[in-house]
Amino acid sequence: MELTPEEEQERQETAALLAAEDFDDTRERLIMEVLEAKDDLFWWWNDRDTDQSGRIHVKMWVDGMQACCSFRTVSWFVLNRHFQLADVDGEGFVNYVQFLTRYRGTFEGTRSGTAAADELMA
């Protein structure tokens, strides 16, 4: 089966991230993506959470990550499996409220405005 150009690009970008020498650096980059898109992710998922349970199917979690994060061509399903960013329950659901509150940014008091993301487990 031949891949479309978009599928091939996704495959290559995902493979490059998974092959990264430093697991922690790559995971931190992904967490920074979540931090930067946090508001958009909440509203994207909240609009689709018809029963307002705070839970969405992992497919919808992936769709939201694709829609709101800058790594649009990377397979967030594969990245989540490898880097364990979100917890998927036995029924295939992610508690997106818990996911979004898990990661918080801390800012270093530098004049250059650089920020470092620290993972704080809620």
PDB file of N, CA and C in Angstrom:
ATOM      1  N   MET A   1       0.840  -1.175   0.000  1.00  0.00           N
ATOM      2  CA  MET A   1       0.000   0.000   0.000  1.00  0.00           C
ATOM      3  C   MET A   1       0.888   1.242   0.000  1.00  0.00           C
ATOM      4  N   GLU A   2       0.676   2.117  -0.919  1.00  0.00           N
ATOM      5  CA  GLU A   2       1.477   3.320  -1.050  1.00  0.00           C
ATOM      6  C   GLU A   2       0.887   4.448  -0.220  1.00  0.00           C
ATOM      7  N   LEU A   3       1.765   5.180   0.468  1.00  0.00           N
ATOM      8  CA  LEU A   3       1.328   6.289   1.312  1.00  0.00           C
ATOM      9  C   LEU A   3       1.165   7.567   0.493  1.00  0.00           C
ATOM     10  N   THR A   4       0.215   8.401   0.908  1.00  0.00           N
ATOM     11  CA  THR A   4       0.086   9.717   0.296  1.00  0.00           C
ATOM     12  C   THR A   4       1.275  10.557   0.759  1.00  0.00           C
ATOM     13  N   PRO A   5       1.570  11.657   0.081  1.00  0.00           N
ATOM     14  CA  PRO A   5       2.672  12.515   0.535  1.00  0.00           C
ATOM     15  C   PRO A   5       2.486  12.988   1.983  1.00  0.00           C
ATOM     16  N   GLU A   6       1.254  13.298   2.387  1.00  0.00           N
ATOM     17  CA  GLU A   6       0.984  13.738   3.753  1.00  0.00           C
ATOM     18  C   GLU A   6       1.246  12.610   4.747  1.00  0.00           C
ATOM     19  N   GLU A   7       0.817  11.402   4.409  1.00  0.00           N
ATOM     20  CA  GLU A   7       1.044  10.250   5.289  1.00  0.00           C
ATOM     21  C   GLU A   7       2.528   9.937   5.398  1.00  0.00           C
ATOM     22  N   GLU A   8       3.246  10.058   4.307  1.00  0.00           N
ATOM     23  CA  GLU A   8       4.690   9.817   4.330  1.00  0.00           C
ATOM     24  C   GLU A   8       5.391  10.858   5.190  1.00  0.00           C
ATOM     25  N   GLN A   9       4.982  12.119   5.084  1.00  0.00           N
ATOM     26  CA  GLN A   9       5.577  13.171   5.911  1.00  0.00           C
ATOM     27  C   GLN A   9       5.300  12.894   7.386  1.00  0.00           C
ATOM     28  N   GLU A  10       4.077  12.499   7.714  1.00  0.00           N
ATOM     29  CA  GLU A  10       3.725  12.166   9.097  1.00  0.00           C
ATOM     30  C   GLU A  10       4.583  11.013   9.606  1.00  0.00           C
ATOM     31  N   ARG A  11       4.748   9.994   8.763  1.00  0.00           N
ATOM     32  CA  ARG A  11       5.553   8.840   9.159  1.00  0.00           C
ATOM     33  C   ARG A  11       6.992   9.255   9.437  1.00  0.00           C
ATOM     34  N   GLN A  12       7.569  10.087   8.581  1.00  0.00           N
ATOM     35  CA  GLN A  12       8.953  10.523   8.742  1.00  0.00           C
ATOM     36  C   GLN A  12       9.130  11.396   9.987  1.00  0.00           C
ATOM     37  N   GLU A  13       8.202  12.339  10.204  1.00  0.00           N
ATOM     38  CA  GLU A  13       8.310  13.221  11.367  1.00  0.00           C
ATOM     39  C   GLU A  13       8.129  12.445  12.669  1.00  0.00           C
ATOM     40  N   THR A  14       7.192  11.515  12.684  1.00  0.00           N
ATOM     41  CA  THR A  14       6.989  10.701  13.874  1.00  0.00           C
ATOM     42  C   THR A  14       8.217   9.845  14.152  1.00  0.00           C
ATOM     43  N   ALA A  15       8.774   9.222  13.118  1.00  0.00           N
ATOM     44  CA  ALA A  15       9.973   8.397  13.284  1.00  0.00           C
ATOM     45  C   ALA A  15      11.136   9.226  13.806  1.00  0.00           C
ATOM     46  N   ALA A  16      11.272  10.452  13.312  1.00  0.00           N
ATOM     47  CA  ALA A  16      12.367  11.317  13.769  1.00  0.00           C
ATOM     48  C   ALA A  16      12.213  11.653  15.248  1.00  0.00           C
ATOM     49  N   LEU A  17      10.991  11.953  15.688  1.00  0.00           N
ATOM     50  CA  LEU A  17      10.779  12.247  17.105  1.00  0.00           C
ATOM     51  C   LEU A  17      11.020  11.030  17.979  1.00  0.00           C
ATOM     52  N   LEU A  18      10.581   9.867  17.527  1.00  0.00           N
ATOM     53  CA  LEU A  18      10.762   8.653  18.315  1.00  0.00           C
ATOM     54  C   LEU A  18      12.219   8.211  18.369  1.00  0.00           C
ATOM     55  N   ALA A  19      12.991   8.584  17.358  1.00  0.00           N
ATOM     56  CA  ALA A  19      14.401   8.207  17.304  1.00  0.00           C
ATOM     57  C   ALA A  19      15.300   9.223  17.997  1.00  0.00           C
ATOM     58  N   ALA A  20      14.709  10.278  18.526  1.00  0.00           N
ATOM     59  CA  ALA A  20      15.509  11.315  19.178  1.00  0.00           C
ATOM     60  C   ALA A  20      16.358  10.701  20.281  1.00  0.00           C
ATOM     61  N   GLU A  21      17.594  11.154  20.347  1.00  0.00           N
ATOM     62  CA  GLU A  21      18.535  10.598  21.316  1.00  0.00           C
ATOM     63  C   GLU A  21      18.120  10.890  22.751  1.00  0.00           C
ATOM     64  N   ASP A  22      17.530  12.034  23.002  1.00  0.00           N
ATOM     65  CA  ASP A  22      17.197  12.417  24.358  1.00  0.00           C
ATOM     66  C   ASP A  22      15.686  12.373  24.574  1.00  0.00           C
ATOM     67  N   PHE A  23      15.216  11.307  25.173  1.00  0.00           N
ATOM     68  CA  PHE A  23      13.798  11.093  25.441  1.00  0.00           C
ATOM     69  C   PHE A  23      13.208  12.270  26.210  1.00  0.00           C
ATOM     70  N   ASP A  24      13.899  12.710  27.268  1.00  0.00           N
ATOM     71  CA  ASP A  24      13.380  13.779  28.125  1.00  0.00           C
ATOM     72  C   ASP A  24      13.249  15.100  27.374  1.00  0.00           C
ATOM     73  N   ASP A  25      14.230  15.442  26.526  1.00  0.00           N
ATOM     74  CA  ASP A  25      14.145  16.681  25.755  1.00  0.00           C
ATOM     75  C   ASP A  25      12.965  16.656  24.786  1.00  0.00           C
ATOM     76  N   THR A  26      12.779  15.535  24.134  1.00  0.00           N
ATOM     77  CA  THR A  26      11.666  15.414  23.188  1.00  0.00           C
ATOM     78  C   THR A  26      10.338  15.482  23.921  1.00  0.00           C
ATOM     79  N   ARG A  27      10.239  14.803  25.060  1.00  0.00           N
ATOM     80  CA  ARG A  27       9.005  14.836  25.852  1.00  0.00           C
ATOM     81  C   ARG A  27       8.724  16.260  26.320  1.00  0.00           C
ATOM     82  N   GLU A  28       9.761  16.987  26.726  1.00  0.00           N
ATOM     83  CA  GLU A  28       9.571  18.373  27.151  1.00  0.00           C
ATOM     84  C   GLU A  28       9.078  19.239  25.998  1.00  0.00           C
ATOM     85  N   ARG A  29       9.586  19.010  24.791  1.00  0.00           N
ATOM     86  CA  ARG A  29       9.097  19.750  23.614  1.00  0.00           C
ATOM     87  C   ARG A  29       7.611  19.507  23.404  1.00  0.00           C
ATOM     88  N   LEU A  30       7.187  18.256  23.573  1.00  0.00           N
ATOM     89  CA  LEU A  30       5.773  17.924  23.402  1.00  0.00           C
ATOM     90  C   LEU A  30       4.925  18.575  24.491  1.00  0.00           C
ATOM     91  N   ILE A  31       5.433  18.598  25.718  1.00  0.00           N
ATOM     92  CA  ILE A  31       4.715  19.249  26.811  1.00  0.00           C
ATOM     93  C   ILE A  31       4.595  20.748  26.533  1.00  0.00           C
ATOM     94  N   MET A  32       5.642  21.342  25.988  1.00  0.00           N
ATOM     95  CA  MET A  32       5.576  22.766  25.623  1.00  0.00           C
ATOM     96  C   MET A  32       4.472  22.999  24.592  1.00  0.00           C
ATOM     97  N   GLU A  33       4.300  22.056  23.658  1.00  0.00           N
ATOM     98  CA  GLU A  33       3.211  22.153  22.676  1.00  0.00           C
ATOM     99  C   GLU A  33       1.861  22.202  23.389  1.00  0.00           C
ATOM    100  N   VAL A  34       1.698  21.337  24.386  1.00  0.00           N
ATOM    101  CA  VAL A  34       0.450  21.306  25.149  1.00  0.00           C
ATOM    102  C   VAL A  34       0.252  22.630  25.878  1.00  0.00           C
ATOM    103  N   LEU A  35       1.303  23.119  26.526  1.00  0.00           N
ATOM    104  CA  LEU A  35       1.199  24.379  27.271  1.00  0.00           C
ATOM    105  C   LEU A  35       0.805  25.539  26.359  1.00  0.00           C
ATOM    106  N   GLU A  36       1.391  25.580  25.174  1.00  0.00           N
ATOM    107  CA  GLU A  36       1.104  26.676  24.244  1.00  0.00           C
ATOM    108  C   GLU A  36      -0.315  26.617  23.687  1.00  0.00           C
ATOM    109  N   ALA A  37      -0.876  25.423  23.624  1.00  0.00           N
ATOM    110  CA  ALA A  37      -2.208  25.256  23.027  1.00  0.00           C
ATOM    111  C   ALA A  37      -3.283  24.956  24.064  1.00  0.00           C
ATOM    112  N   LYS A  38      -2.956  25.098  25.338  1.00  0.00           N
ATOM    113  CA  LYS A  38      -3.847  24.659  26.410  1.00  0.00           C
ATOM    114  C   LYS A  38      -5.268  25.229  26.307  1.00  0.00           C
ATOM    115  N   ASP A  39      -5.404  26.530  26.129  1.00  0.00           N
ATOM    116  CA  ASP A  39      -6.745  27.126  26.032  1.00  0.00           C
ATOM    117  C   ASP A  39      -7.508  26.601  24.828  1.00  0.00           C
ATOM    118  N   ASP A  40      -6.829  26.570  23.680  1.00  0.00           N
ATOM    119  CA  ASP A  40      -7.478  26.066  22.466  1.00  0.00           C
ATOM    120  C   ASP A  40      -7.882  24.607  22.625  1.00  0.00           C
ATOM    121  N   LEU A  41      -7.031  23.801  23.234  1.00  0.00           N
ATOM    122  CA  LEU A  41      -7.350  22.384  23.446  1.00  0.00           C
ATOM    123  C   LEU A  41      -8.587  22.243  24.330  1.00  0.00           C
ATOM    124  N   PHE A  42      -8.625  22.991  25.424  1.00  0.00           N
ATOM    125  CA  PHE A  42      -9.786  22.890  26.319  1.00  0.00           C
ATOM    126  C   PHE A  42     -11.074  23.186  25.559  1.00  0.00           C
ATOM    127  N   TRP A  43     -11.109  24.303  24.855  1.00  0.00           N
ATOM    128  CA  TRP A  43     -12.344  24.672  24.168  1.00  0.00           C
ATOM    129  C   TRP A  43     -12.662  23.720  23.026  1.00  0.00           C
ATOM    130  N   TRP A  44     -11.659  23.202  22.331  1.00  0.00           N
ATOM    131  CA  TRP A  44     -11.888  22.253  21.239  1.00  0.00           C
ATOM    132  C   TRP A  44     -12.563  21.000  21.796  1.00  0.00           C
ATOM    133  N   TRP A  45     -11.985  20.452  22.878  1.00  0.00           N
ATOM    134  CA  TRP A  45     -12.556  19.234  23.461  1.00  0.00           C
ATOM    135  C   TRP A  45     -13.875  19.510  24.173  1.00  0.00           C
ATOM    136  N   ASN A  46     -13.991  20.614  24.890  1.00  0.00           N
ATOM    137  CA  ASN A  46     -15.205  20.935  25.618  1.00  0.00           C
ATOM    138  C   ASN A  46     -16.390  21.074  24.663  1.00  0.00           C
ATOM    139  N   ASP A  47     -16.163  21.674  23.501  1.00  0.00           N
ATOM    140  CA  ASP A  47     -17.235  21.813  22.512  1.00  0.00           C
ATOM    141  C   ASP A  47     -17.726  20.464  22.001  1.00  0.00           C
ATOM    142  N   ARG A  48     -16.893  19.466  22.023  1.00  0.00           N
ATOM    143  CA  ARG A  48     -17.260  18.144  21.497  1.00  0.00           C
ATOM    144  C   ARG A  48     -17.666  17.159  22.595  1.00  0.00           C
ATOM    145  N   ASP A  49     -17.496  17.558  23.838  1.00  0.00           N
ATOM    146  CA  ASP A  49     -17.857  16.726  24.989  1.00  0.00           C
ATOM    147  C   ASP A  49     -19.346  16.922  25.259  1.00  0.00           C
ATOM    148  N   THR A  50     -20.174  16.175  24.541  1.00  0.00           N
ATOM    149  CA  THR A  50     -21.619  16.411  24.543  1.00  0.00           C
ATOM    150  C   THR A  50     -22.262  16.213  25.910  1.00  0.00           C
ATOM    151  N   ASP A  51     -21.739  15.311  26.727  1.00  0.00           N
ATOM    152  CA  ASP A  51     -22.333  15.102  28.050  1.00  0.00           C
ATOM    153  C   ASP A  51     -21.589  15.858  29.156  1.00  0.00           C
ATOM    154  N   GLN A  52     -20.586  16.676  28.749  1.00  0.00           N
ATOM    155  CA  GLN A  52     -19.811  17.497  29.679  1.00  0.00           C
ATOM    156  C   GLN A  52     -19.240  16.679  30.843  1.00  0.00           C
ATOM    157  N   SER A  53     -18.728  15.483  30.509  1.00  0.00           N
ATOM    158  CA  SER A  53     -18.159  14.595  31.517  1.00  0.00           C
ATOM    159  C   SER A  53     -16.681  14.877  31.782  1.00  0.00           C
ATOM    160  N   GLY A  54     -16.059  15.641  30.887  1.00  0.00           N
ATOM    161  CA  GLY A  54     -14.619  15.868  31.006  1.00  0.00           C
ATOM    162  C   GLY A  54     -13.810  14.735  30.403  1.00  0.00           C
ATOM    163  N   ARG A  55     -14.507  13.781  29.784  1.00  0.00           N
ATOM    164  CA  ARG A  55     -13.860  12.624  29.159  1.00  0.00           C
ATOM    165  C   ARG A  55     -14.203  12.599  27.676  1.00  0.00           C
ATOM    166  N   ILE A  56     -13.196  12.235  26.876  1.00  0.00           N
ATOM    167  CA  ILE A  56     -13.388  12.099  25.436  1.00  0.00           C
ATOM    168  C   ILE A  56     -12.674  10.838  24.977  1.00  0.00           C
ATOM    169  N   HIS A  57     -13.124  10.292  23.874  1.00  0.00           N
ATOM    170  CA  HIS A  57     -12.455   9.111  23.328  1.00  0.00           C
ATOM    171  C   HIS A  57     -11.061   9.508  22.854  1.00  0.00           C
ATOM    172  N   VAL A  58     -10.127   8.576  22.937  1.00  0.00           N
ATOM    173  CA  VAL A  58      -8.742   8.870  22.547  1.00  0.00           C
ATOM    174  C   VAL A  58      -8.658   9.378  21.113  1.00  0.00           C
ATOM    175  N   LYS A  59      -9.533   8.931  20.233  1.00  0.00           N
ATOM    176  CA  LYS A  59      -9.538   9.430  18.849  1.00  0.00           C
ATOM    177  C   LYS A  59      -9.836  10.934  18.830  1.00  0.00           C
ATOM    178  N   MET A  60     -10.782  11.369  19.658  1.00  0.00           N
ATOM    179  CA  MET A  60     -11.096  12.796  19.735  1.00  0.00           C
ATOM    180  C   MET A  60      -9.932  13.558  20.384  1.00  0.00           C
ATOM    181  N   TRP A  61      -9.248  12.933  21.340  1.00  0.00           N
ATOM    182  CA  TRP A  61      -8.063  13.552  21.949  1.00  0.00           C
ATOM    183  C   TRP A  61      -7.010  13.796  20.869  1.00  0.00           C
ATOM    184  N   VAL A  62      -6.771  12.782  20.038  1.00  0.00           N
ATOM    185  CA  VAL A  62      -5.809  12.904  18.938  1.00  0.00           C
ATOM    186  C   VAL A  62      -6.245  14.001  17.971  1.00  0.00           C
ATOM    187  N   ASP A  63      -7.525  14.012  17.602  1.00  0.00           N
ATOM    188  CA  ASP A  63      -8.028  15.030  16.679  1.00  0.00           C
ATOM    189  C   ASP A  63      -7.807  16.438  17.236  1.00  0.00           C
ATOM    190  N   GLY A  64      -8.038  16.624  18.535  1.00  0.00           N
ATOM    191  CA  GLY A  64      -7.819  17.920  19.160  1.00  0.00           C
ATOM    192  C   GLY A  64      -6.352  18.316  19.148  1.00  0.00           C
ATOM    193  N   MET A  65      -5.471  17.358  19.433  1.00  0.00           N
ATOM    194  CA  MET A  65      -4.033  17.637  19.406  1.00  0.00           C
ATOM    195  C   MET A  65      -3.607  18.031  17.993  1.00  0.00           C
ATOM    196  N   GLN A  66      -4.138  17.320  17.003  1.00  0.00           N
ATOM    197  CA  GLN A  66      -3.819  17.643  15.608  1.00  0.00           C
ATOM    198  C   GLN A  66      -4.305  19.041  15.239  1.00  0.00           C
ATOM    199  N   ALA A  67      -5.501  19.393  15.700  1.00  0.00           N
ATOM    200  CA  ALA A  67      -6.111  20.667  15.324  1.00  0.00           C
ATOM    201  C   ALA A  67      -5.464  21.859  16.026  1.00  0.00           C
ATOM    202  N   CYS A  68      -4.998  21.691  17.245  1.00  0.00           N
ATOM    203  CA  CYS A  68      -4.579  22.836  18.059  1.00  0.00           C
ATOM    204  C   CYS A  68      -3.072  22.983  18.248  1.00  0.00           C
ATOM    205  N   CYS A  69      -2.306  21.932  18.036  1.00  0.00           N
ATOM    206  CA  CYS A  69      -0.865  21.992  18.278  1.00  0.00           C
ATOM    207  C   CYS A  69      -0.116  22.205  16.965  1.00  0.00           C
ATOM    208  N   SER A  70       1.081  22.737  17.066  1.00  0.00           N
ATOM    209  CA  SER A  70       1.825  23.049  15.842  1.00  0.00           C
ATOM    210  C   SER A  70       2.394  21.802  15.168  1.00  0.00           C
ATOM    211  N   PHE A  71       2.543  20.695  15.900  1.00  0.00           N
ATOM    212  CA  PHE A  71       2.970  19.434  15.277  1.00  0.00           C
ATOM    213  C   PHE A  71       1.748  18.803  14.633  1.00  0.00           C
ATOM    214  N   ARG A  72       1.266  19.383  13.561  1.00  0.00           N
ATOM    215  CA  ARG A  72       0.010  18.935  12.955  1.00  0.00           C
ATOM    216  C   ARG A  72       0.150  17.635  12.160  1.00  0.00           C
ATOM    217  N   THR A  73       1.327  17.341  11.657  1.00  0.00           N
ATOM    218  CA  THR A  73       1.461  16.148  10.823  1.00  0.00           C
ATOM    219  C   THR A  73       1.983  14.949  11.590  1.00  0.00           C
ATOM    220  N   VAL A  74       2.331  15.150  12.841  1.00  0.00           N
ATOM    221  CA  VAL A  74       2.855  14.044  13.638  1.00  0.00           C
ATOM    222  C   VAL A  74       1.695  13.260  14.234  1.00  0.00           C
ATOM    223  N   SER A  75       1.828  11.961  14.302  1.00  0.00           N
ATOM    224  CA  SER A  75       0.787  11.116  14.867  1.00  0.00           C
ATOM    225  C   SER A  75       0.795  11.235  16.388  1.00  0.00           C
ATOM    226  N   TRP A  76      -0.148  11.991  16.930  1.00  0.00           N
ATOM    227  CA  TRP A  76      -0.236  12.150  18.378  1.00  0.00           C
ATOM    228  C   TRP A  76      -0.615  10.844  19.054  1.00  0.00           C
ATOM    229  N   PHE A  77      -1.305   9.954  18.357  1.00  0.00           N
ATOM    230  CA  PHE A  77      -1.628   8.646  18.929  1.00  0.00           C
ATOM    231  C   PHE A  77      -0.345   7.878  19.210  1.00  0.00           C
ATOM    232  N   VAL A  78       0.558   7.852  18.237  1.00  0.00           N
ATOM    233  CA  VAL A  78       1.846   7.161  18.410  1.00  0.00           C
ATOM    234  C   VAL A  78       2.693   7.868  19.456  1.00  0.00           C
ATOM    235  N   LEU A  79       2.731   9.202  19.393  1.00  0.00           N
ATOM    236  CA  LEU A  79       3.521   9.961  20.374  1.00  0.00           C
ATOM    237  C   LEU A  79       3.015   9.711  21.793  1.00  0.00           C
ATOM    238  N   ASN A  80       1.704   9.669  21.968  1.00  0.00           N
ATOM    239  CA  ASN A  80       1.171   9.417  23.306  1.00  0.00           C
ATOM    240  C   ASN A  80       1.541   8.016  23.787  1.00  0.00           C
ATOM    241  N   ARG A  81       1.476   7.068  22.899  1.00  0.00           N
ATOM    242  CA  ARG A  81       1.843   5.697  23.285  1.00  0.00           C
ATOM    243  C   ARG A  81       3.303   5.635  23.724  1.00  0.00           C
ATOM    244  N   HIS A  82       4.177   6.358  23.030  1.00  0.00           N
ATOM    245  CA  HIS A  82       5.614   6.326  23.312  1.00  0.00           C
ATOM    246  C   HIS A  82       5.990   7.190  24.516  1.00  0.00           C
ATOM    247  N   PHE A  83       5.441   8.404  24.592  1.00  0.00           N
ATOM    248  CA  PHE A  83       5.842   9.354  25.632  1.00  0.00           C
ATOM    249  C   PHE A  83       4.864   9.437  26.807  1.00  0.00           C
ATOM    250  N   GLN A  84       3.756   8.710  26.725  1.00  0.00           N
ATOM    251  CA  GLN A  84       2.768   8.634  27.797  1.00  0.00           C
ATOM    252  C   GLN A  84       2.381  10.015  28.321  1.00  0.00           C
ATOM    253  N   LEU A  85       1.866  10.835  27.421  1.00  0.00           N
ATOM    254  CA  LEU A  85       1.453  12.193  27.782  1.00  0.00           C
ATOM    255  C   LEU A  85       0.089  12.204  28.468  1.00  0.00           C
ATOM    256  N   ALA A  86      -0.846  11.425  27.954  1.00  0.00           N
ATOM    257  CA  ALA A  86      -2.204  11.367  28.500  1.00  0.00           C
ATOM    258  C   ALA A  86      -2.517   9.935  28.914  1.00  0.00           C
ATOM    259  N   ASP A  87      -3.278   9.809  29.985  1.00  0.00           N
ATOM    260  CA  ASP A  87      -3.713   8.493  30.445  1.00  0.00           C
ATOM    261  C   ASP A  87      -4.977   8.099  29.697  1.00  0.00           C
ATOM    262  N   VAL A  88      -4.954   6.913  29.115  1.00  0.00           N
ATOM    263  CA  VAL A  88      -6.117   6.381  28.407  1.00  0.00           C
ATOM    264  C   VAL A  88      -6.671   5.251  29.269  1.00  0.00           C
ATOM    265  N   ASP A  89      -7.948   5.362  29.652  1.00  0.00           N
ATOM    266  CA  ASP A  89      -8.524   4.333  30.518  1.00  0.00           C
ATOM    267  C   ASP A  89      -8.850   3.063  29.734  1.00  0.00           C
ATOM    268  N   GLY A  90      -9.338   2.073  30.410  1.00  0.00           N
ATOM    269  CA  GLY A  90      -9.633   0.782  29.806  1.00  0.00           C
ATOM    270  C   GLY A  90     -10.707   0.816  28.746  1.00  0.00           C
ATOM    271  N   GLU A  91     -11.514   1.870  28.738  1.00  0.00           N
ATOM    272  CA  GLU A  91     -12.569   2.022  27.744  1.00  0.00           C
ATOM    273  C   GLU A  91     -12.128   2.862  26.554  1.00  0.00           C
ATOM    274  N   GLY A  92     -10.859   3.333  26.580  1.00  0.00           N
ATOM    275  CA  GLY A  92     -10.346   4.136  25.475  1.00  0.00           C
ATOM    276  C   GLY A  92     -10.631   5.622  25.598  1.00  0.00           C
ATOM    277  N   PHE A  93     -10.868   6.097  26.821  1.00  0.00           N
ATOM    278  CA  PHE A  93     -11.173   7.502  27.038  1.00  0.00           C
ATOM    279  C   PHE A  93     -10.043   8.216  27.777  1.00  0.00           C
ATOM    280  N   VAL A  94      -9.932   9.524  27.497  1.00  0.00           N
ATOM    281  CA  VAL A  94      -8.969  10.403  28.167  1.00  0.00           C
ATOM    282  C   VAL A  94      -9.776  11.433  28.950  1.00  0.00           C
ATOM    283  N   ASN A  95      -9.404  11.642  30.200  1.00  0.00           N
ATOM    284  CA  ASN A  95      -9.986  12.732  30.979  1.00  0.00           C
ATOM    285  C   ASN A  95      -9.202  13.978  30.590  1.00  0.00           C
ATOM    286  N   TYR A  96      -9.775  14.787  29.690  1.00  0.00           N
ATOM    287  CA  TYR A  96      -9.028  15.923  29.151  1.00  0.00           C
ATOM    288  C   TYR A  96      -8.812  17.020  30.182  1.00  0.00           C
ATOM    289  N   VAL A  97      -9.701  17.150  31.146  1.00  0.00           N
ATOM    290  CA  VAL A  97      -9.509  18.153  32.199  1.00  0.00           C
ATOM    291  C   VAL A  97      -8.295  17.770  33.035  1.00  0.00           C
ATOM    292  N   GLN A  98      -8.213  16.506  33.404  1.00  0.00           N
ATOM    293  CA  GLN A  98      -7.052  16.020  34.164  1.00  0.00           C
ATOM    294  C   GLN A  98      -5.779  16.162  33.332  1.00  0.00           C
ATOM    295  N   PHE A  99      -5.857  15.840  32.051  1.00  0.00           N
ATOM    296  CA  PHE A  99      -4.697  15.961  31.166  1.00  0.00           C
ATOM    297  C   PHE A  99      -4.201  17.401  31.128  1.00  0.00           C
ATOM    298  N   LEU A 100      -5.105  18.360  30.967  1.00  0.00           N
ATOM    299  CA  LEU A 100      -4.696  19.758  30.846  1.00  0.00           C
ATOM    300  C   LEU A 100      -4.189  20.339  32.160  1.00  0.00           C
ATOM    301  N   THR A 101      -4.669  19.844  33.290  1.00  0.00           N
ATOM    302  CA  THR A 101      -4.182  20.361  34.572  1.00  0.00           C
ATOM    303  C   THR A 101      -2.892  19.679  35.007  1.00  0.00           C
ATOM    304  N   ARG A 102      -2.530  18.594  34.361  1.00  0.00           N
ATOM    305  CA  ARG A 102      -1.291  17.885  34.701  1.00  0.00           C
ATOM    306  C   ARG A 102      -0.056  18.717  34.375  1.00  0.00           C
ATOM    307  N   TYR A 103      -0.097  19.438  33.289  1.00  0.00           N
ATOM    308  CA  TYR A 103       1.072  20.176  32.827  1.00  0.00           C
ATOM    309  C   TYR A 103       0.899  21.662  33.074  1.00  0.00           C
ATOM    310  N   ARG A 104       1.865  22.227  33.777  1.00  0.00           N
ATOM    311  CA  ARG A 104       1.857  23.658  34.082  1.00  0.00           C
ATOM    312  C   ARG A 104       3.218  24.221  33.753  1.00  0.00           C
ATOM    313  N   GLY A 105       3.228  25.412  33.228  1.00  0.00           N
ATOM    314  CA  GLY A 105       4.489  26.060  32.893  1.00  0.00           C
ATOM    315  C   GLY A 105       5.011  26.865  34.064  1.00  0.00           C
ATOM    316  N   THR A 106       6.317  26.859  34.226  1.00  0.00           N
ATOM    317  CA  THR A 106       6.958  27.744  35.185  1.00  0.00           C
ATOM    318  C   THR A 106       7.903  28.626  34.398  1.00  0.00           C
ATOM    319  N   PHE A 107       7.987  29.846  34.805  1.00  0.00           N
ATOM    320  CA  PHE A 107       8.799  30.794  34.063  1.00  0.00           C
ATOM    321  C   PHE A 107      10.002  31.209  34.887  1.00  0.00           C
ATOM    322  N   GLU A 108      11.164  31.187  34.234  1.00  0.00           N
ATOM    323  CA  GLU A 108      12.383  31.650  34.865  1.00  0.00           C
ATOM    324  C   GLU A 108      12.413  33.162  34.749  1.00  0.00           C
ATOM    325  N   GLY A 109      12.848  33.826  35.802  1.00  0.00           N
ATOM    326  CA  GLY A 109      12.832  35.282  35.820  1.00  0.00           C
ATOM    327  C   GLY A 109      13.985  35.898  35.048  1.00  0.00           C
ATOM    328  N   THR A 110      14.039  35.659  33.749  1.00  0.00           N
ATOM    329  CA  THR A 110      15.089  36.247  32.929  1.00  0.00           C
ATOM    330  C   THR A 110      14.501  37.349  32.080  1.00  0.00           C
ATOM    331  N   ARG A 111      15.335  38.292  31.744  1.00  0.00           N
ATOM    332  CA  ARG A 111      14.863  39.421  30.926  1.00  0.00           C
ATOM    333  C   ARG A 111      14.629  39.008  29.475  1.00  0.00           C
ATOM    334  N   SER A 112      15.237  37.922  29.038  1.00  0.00           N
ATOM    335  CA  SER A 112      15.057  37.517  27.655  1.00  0.00           C
ATOM    336  C   SER A 112      13.672  36.946  27.392  1.00  0.00           C
ATOM    337  N   GLY A 113      12.972  36.622  28.474  1.00  0.00           N
ATOM    338  CA  GLY A 113      11.611  36.111  28.314  1.00  0.00           C
ATOM    339  C   GLY A 113      11.564  34.614  28.019  1.00  0.00           C
ATOM    340  N   THR A 114      12.663  33.917  28.200  1.00  0.00           N
ATOM    341  CA  THR A 114      12.638  32.482  27.955  1.00  0.00           C
ATOM    342  C   THR A 114      11.874  31.796  29.058  1.00  0.00           C
ATOM    343  N   ALA A 115      11.212  30.737  28.704  1.00  0.00           N
ATOM    344  CA  ALA A 115      10.410  29.981  29.655  1.00  0.00           C
ATOM    345  C   ALA A 115      10.827  28.534  29.616  1.00  0.00           C
ATOM    346  N   ALA A 116      10.714  27.878  30.737  1.00  0.00           N
ATOM    347  CA  ALA A 116      10.996  26.446  30.815  1.00  0.00           C
ATOM    348  C   ALA A 116       9.738  25.750  31.314  1.00  0.00           C
ATOM    349  N   ALA A 117       9.414  24.642  30.720  1.00  0.00           N
ATOM    350  CA  ALA A 117       8.233  23.880  31.140  1.00  0.00           C
ATOM    351  C   ALA A 117       8.659  22.832  32.142  1.00  0.00           C
ATOM    352  N   ASP A 118       7.993  22.801  33.261  1.00  0.00           N
ATOM    353  CA  ASP A 118       8.200  21.751  34.240  1.00  0.00           C
ATOM    354  C   ASP A 118       6.929  20.947  34.296  1.00  0.00           C
ATOM    355  N   GLU A 119       7.081  19.659  34.377  1.00  0.00           N
ATOM    356  CA  GLU A 119       5.908  18.798  34.467  1.00  0.00           C
ATOM    357  C   GLU A 119       5.543  18.684  35.933  1.00  0.00           C
ATOM    358  N   LEU A 120       4.350  19.103  36.263  1.00  0.00           N
ATOM    359  CA  LEU A 120       3.857  18.998  37.627  1.00  0.00           C
ATOM    360  C   LEU A 120       2.651  18.072  37.599  1.00  0.00           C
ATOM    361  N   MET A 121       2.766  16.972  38.246  1.00  0.00           N
ATOM    362  CA  MET A 121       1.661  16.017  38.265  1.00  0.00           C
ATOM    363  C   MET A 121       0.610  16.508  39.243  1.00  0.00           C
ATOM    364  N   ALA A 122      -0.609  16.622  38.767  1.00  0.00           N
ATOM    365  CA  ALA A 122      -1.705  17.097  39.623  1.00  0.00           C
ATOM    366  C   ALA A 122      -2.259  15.947  40.419  1.00  0.00           C
TER     367      ALA A 122
END
